[in-house]
Structure formats: structure tokens, C-alpha cells
Amino acid sequence: MMILANATEMKNMFGKYLDLAMKNGEVHIVKHGEIVARLVASNGKKSYLADNLSGIGDPKNR
């Protein structure tokens, strides 16, 4: 399940989203309807390499 939070809500309720990231691995931060950042738990299941390779096949990244 992808958890989304808009930037203003993240700023105002950081503790809530920190807890959610710790429980679920990550929280996606949205600004103007677009994901602009992620809050990732230090024990997150995603690897550094997988995070950096994600989106390589996406034409908008070329």
C-alpha cells in the first residue's frame, strides 16, 4: 500500500508520517499532485541500487 501525504500535511504532522514510514517502509510526499520526495525508514526493504535504477526505462527520464 502506497502512503501519500501532501507537503503541507507532512510539515504539520511530521510525527504521524514518521511513525507510518517506520511501520510501512516509506511515505511518498506529494506537491501539486506529483510525488516529489519519499520519507524512507532506515530499515526499509528497498536497496540503494534498486532505488537508483527505478525509472530507468521511463521515457521521461531520457
N, C-alpha and C. Protein backbone atom coordinates (compact mmCIF):
# COMPACT_ATOMS: atom_id res chain seq x y z
N MET A 1 0.84 -1.18 0.00
CA MET A 1 0.00 0.00 0.00
C MET A 1 0.89 1.25 0.00
N MET A 2 0.69 2.13 -0.95
CA MET A 2 1.47 3.35 -1.04
C MET A 2 0.81 4.42 -0.16
N ILE A 3 1.60 4.98 0.74
CA ILE A 3 1.10 6.05 1.60
C ILE A 3 1.52 7.38 1.01
N LEU A 4 0.53 8.28 0.82
CA LEU A 4 0.78 9.59 0.25
C LEU A 4 0.45 10.67 1.28
N ALA A 5 1.24 11.72 1.28
CA ALA A 5 0.98 12.88 2.14
C ALA A 5 1.34 14.12 1.35
N ASN A 6 0.47 15.14 1.39
CA ASN A 6 0.86 16.37 0.70
C ASN A 6 1.88 17.10 1.56
N ALA A 7 2.64 17.99 0.95
CA ALA A 7 3.76 18.64 1.62
C ALA A 7 3.33 19.41 2.87
N THR A 8 2.20 20.10 2.81
CA THR A 8 1.73 20.88 3.96
C THR A 8 1.35 19.96 5.11
N GLU A 9 0.63 18.88 4.80
CA GLU A 9 0.24 17.94 5.84
C GLU A 9 1.47 17.27 6.46
N MET A 10 2.46 16.96 5.62
CA MET A 10 3.71 16.36 6.12
C MET A 10 4.40 17.30 7.10
N LYS A 11 4.44 18.58 6.74
CA LYS A 11 5.08 19.57 7.60
C LYS A 11 4.35 19.68 8.94
N ASN A 12 3.03 19.70 8.90
CA ASN A 12 2.24 19.90 10.11
C ASN A 12 2.10 18.66 10.98
N MET A 13 2.25 17.47 10.37
CA MET A 13 2.04 16.22 11.11
C MET A 13 3.21 15.27 10.90
N PHE A 14 4.43 15.81 10.99
CA PHE A 14 5.61 15.01 10.69
C PHE A 14 5.70 13.74 11.53
N GLY A 15 5.40 13.84 12.82
CA GLY A 15 5.49 12.68 13.71
C GLY A 15 4.61 11.53 13.25
N LYS A 16 3.41 11.85 12.80
CA LYS A 16 2.48 10.83 12.30
C LYS A 16 3.09 10.10 11.11
N TYR A 17 3.65 10.85 10.18
CA TYR A 17 4.20 10.24 8.97
C TYR A 17 5.53 9.54 9.23
N LEU A 18 6.26 10.00 10.22
CA LEU A 18 7.47 9.30 10.63
C LEU A 18 7.11 7.92 11.15
N ASP A 19 6.08 7.85 12.00
CA ASP A 19 5.61 6.55 12.50
C ASP A 19 5.14 5.65 11.36
N LEU A 20 4.40 6.22 10.41
CA LEU A 20 3.93 5.43 9.26
C LEU A 20 5.09 4.90 8.43
N ALA A 21 6.11 5.72 8.22
CA ALA A 21 7.28 5.27 7.46
C ALA A 21 8.00 4.15 8.20
N MET A 22 8.09 4.27 9.51
CA MET A 22 8.76 3.22 10.30
C MET A 22 7.98 1.91 10.22
N LYS A 23 6.67 1.98 10.16
CA LYS A 23 5.83 0.77 10.11
C LYS A 23 5.72 0.20 8.70
N ASN A 24 5.65 1.07 7.70
CA ASN A 24 5.36 0.63 6.33
C ASN A 24 6.53 0.75 5.37
N GLY A 25 7.65 1.29 5.80
CA GLY A 25 8.83 1.38 4.94
C GLY A 25 9.04 2.73 4.30
N GLU A 26 7.95 3.37 3.82
CA GLU A 26 8.12 4.68 3.21
C GLU A 26 6.79 5.42 3.06
N VAL A 27 6.91 6.74 2.96
CA VAL A 27 5.78 7.62 2.71
C VAL A 27 6.17 8.50 1.53
N HIS A 28 5.29 8.60 0.55
CA HIS A 28 5.53 9.44 -0.63
C HIS A 28 4.95 10.83 -0.35
N ILE A 29 5.73 11.86 -0.63
CA ILE A 29 5.32 13.24 -0.39
C ILE A 29 4.93 13.87 -1.73
N VAL A 30 3.73 14.44 -1.76
CA VAL A 30 3.13 14.96 -2.98
C VAL A 30 3.03 16.48 -2.91
N LYS A 31 3.38 17.13 -4.02
CA LYS A 31 3.22 18.57 -4.13
C LYS A 31 2.61 18.87 -5.49
N HIS A 32 1.51 19.58 -5.49
CA HIS A 32 0.78 19.90 -6.73
C HIS A 32 0.44 18.63 -7.52
N GLY A 33 0.06 17.56 -6.80
CA GLY A 33 -0.38 16.33 -7.44
C GLY A 33 0.71 15.42 -7.96
N GLU A 34 1.97 15.73 -7.69
CA GLU A 34 3.08 14.93 -8.19
C GLU A 34 3.96 14.49 -7.03
N ILE A 35 4.39 13.23 -7.03
CA ILE A 35 5.29 12.74 -5.99
C ILE A 35 6.64 13.42 -6.17
N VAL A 36 7.10 14.12 -5.12
CA VAL A 36 8.35 14.87 -5.21
C VAL A 36 9.43 14.35 -4.27
N ALA A 37 9.05 13.52 -3.29
CA ALA A 37 10.03 13.01 -2.33
C ALA A 37 9.47 11.78 -1.63
N ARG A 38 10.36 11.10 -0.92
CA ARG A 38 9.96 9.95 -0.11
C ARG A 38 10.62 10.05 1.27
N LEU A 39 9.87 9.69 2.28
CA LEU A 39 10.40 9.53 3.62
C LEU A 39 10.56 8.03 3.80
N VAL A 40 11.81 7.56 3.91
CA VAL A 40 12.09 6.13 3.93
C VAL A 40 12.69 5.74 5.27
N ALA A 41 12.17 4.66 5.85
CA ALA A 41 12.70 4.15 7.11
C ALA A 41 14.13 3.66 6.90
N SER A 42 14.97 3.82 7.90
CA SER A 42 16.36 3.38 7.76
C SER A 42 16.47 1.88 7.60
N ASN A 43 15.47 1.16 8.03
CA ASN A 43 15.47 -0.30 7.85
C ASN A 43 14.55 -0.70 6.70
N GLY A 44 14.32 0.25 5.78
CA GLY A 44 13.44 0.00 4.63
C GLY A 44 13.91 -1.19 3.82
N LYS A 45 12.98 -1.85 3.17
CA LYS A 45 13.28 -3.07 2.43
C LYS A 45 13.91 -2.80 1.07
N LYS A 46 13.83 -1.58 0.59
CA LYS A 46 14.39 -1.26 -0.72
C LYS A 46 15.90 -1.04 -0.60
N SER A 47 16.60 -1.48 -1.61
CA SER A 47 18.05 -1.30 -1.60
C SER A 47 18.42 0.00 -2.29
N TYR A 48 19.62 0.48 -2.00
CA TYR A 48 20.13 1.69 -2.64
C TYR A 48 20.16 1.52 -4.15
N LEU A 49 20.64 0.37 -4.61
CA LEU A 49 20.76 0.12 -6.05
C LEU A 49 19.38 0.10 -6.71
N ALA A 50 18.43 -0.59 -6.11
CA ALA A 50 17.08 -0.66 -6.70
C ALA A 50 16.45 0.72 -6.75
N ASP A 51 16.64 1.53 -5.72
CA ASP A 51 16.09 2.88 -5.71
C ASP A 51 16.68 3.71 -6.84
N ASN A 52 17.95 3.57 -7.12
CA ASN A 52 18.61 4.37 -8.14
C ASN A 52 18.32 3.88 -9.56
N LEU A 53 17.96 2.62 -9.70
CA LEU A 53 17.66 2.08 -11.01
C LEU A 53 16.19 2.23 -11.38
N SER A 54 15.34 2.49 -10.39
CA SER A 54 13.92 2.60 -10.69
C SER A 54 13.68 3.77 -11.63
N GLY A 55 12.86 3.55 -12.62
CA GLY A 55 12.52 4.60 -13.58
C GLY A 55 13.45 4.70 -14.77
N ILE A 56 14.48 3.87 -14.84
CA ILE A 56 15.43 3.96 -15.96
C ILE A 56 14.72 3.76 -17.29
N GLY A 57 13.75 2.85 -17.36
CA GLY A 57 13.05 2.59 -18.60
C GLY A 57 11.98 3.61 -18.93
N ASP A 58 11.74 4.55 -18.05
CA ASP A 58 10.71 5.55 -18.25
C ASP A 58 11.18 6.58 -19.27
N PRO A 59 10.46 6.76 -20.37
CA PRO A 59 10.88 7.70 -21.44
C PRO A 59 11.09 9.13 -20.97
N LYS A 60 10.37 9.57 -19.93
CA LYS A 60 10.54 10.95 -19.49
C LYS A 60 11.87 11.17 -18.78
N ASN A 61 12.59 10.09 -18.45
CA ASN A 61 13.91 10.20 -17.82
C ASN A 61 15.04 10.22 -18.83
N ARG A 62 14.71 10.25 -20.09
CA ARG A 62 15.76 10.23 -21.13
C ARG A 62 16.08 11.62 -21.59
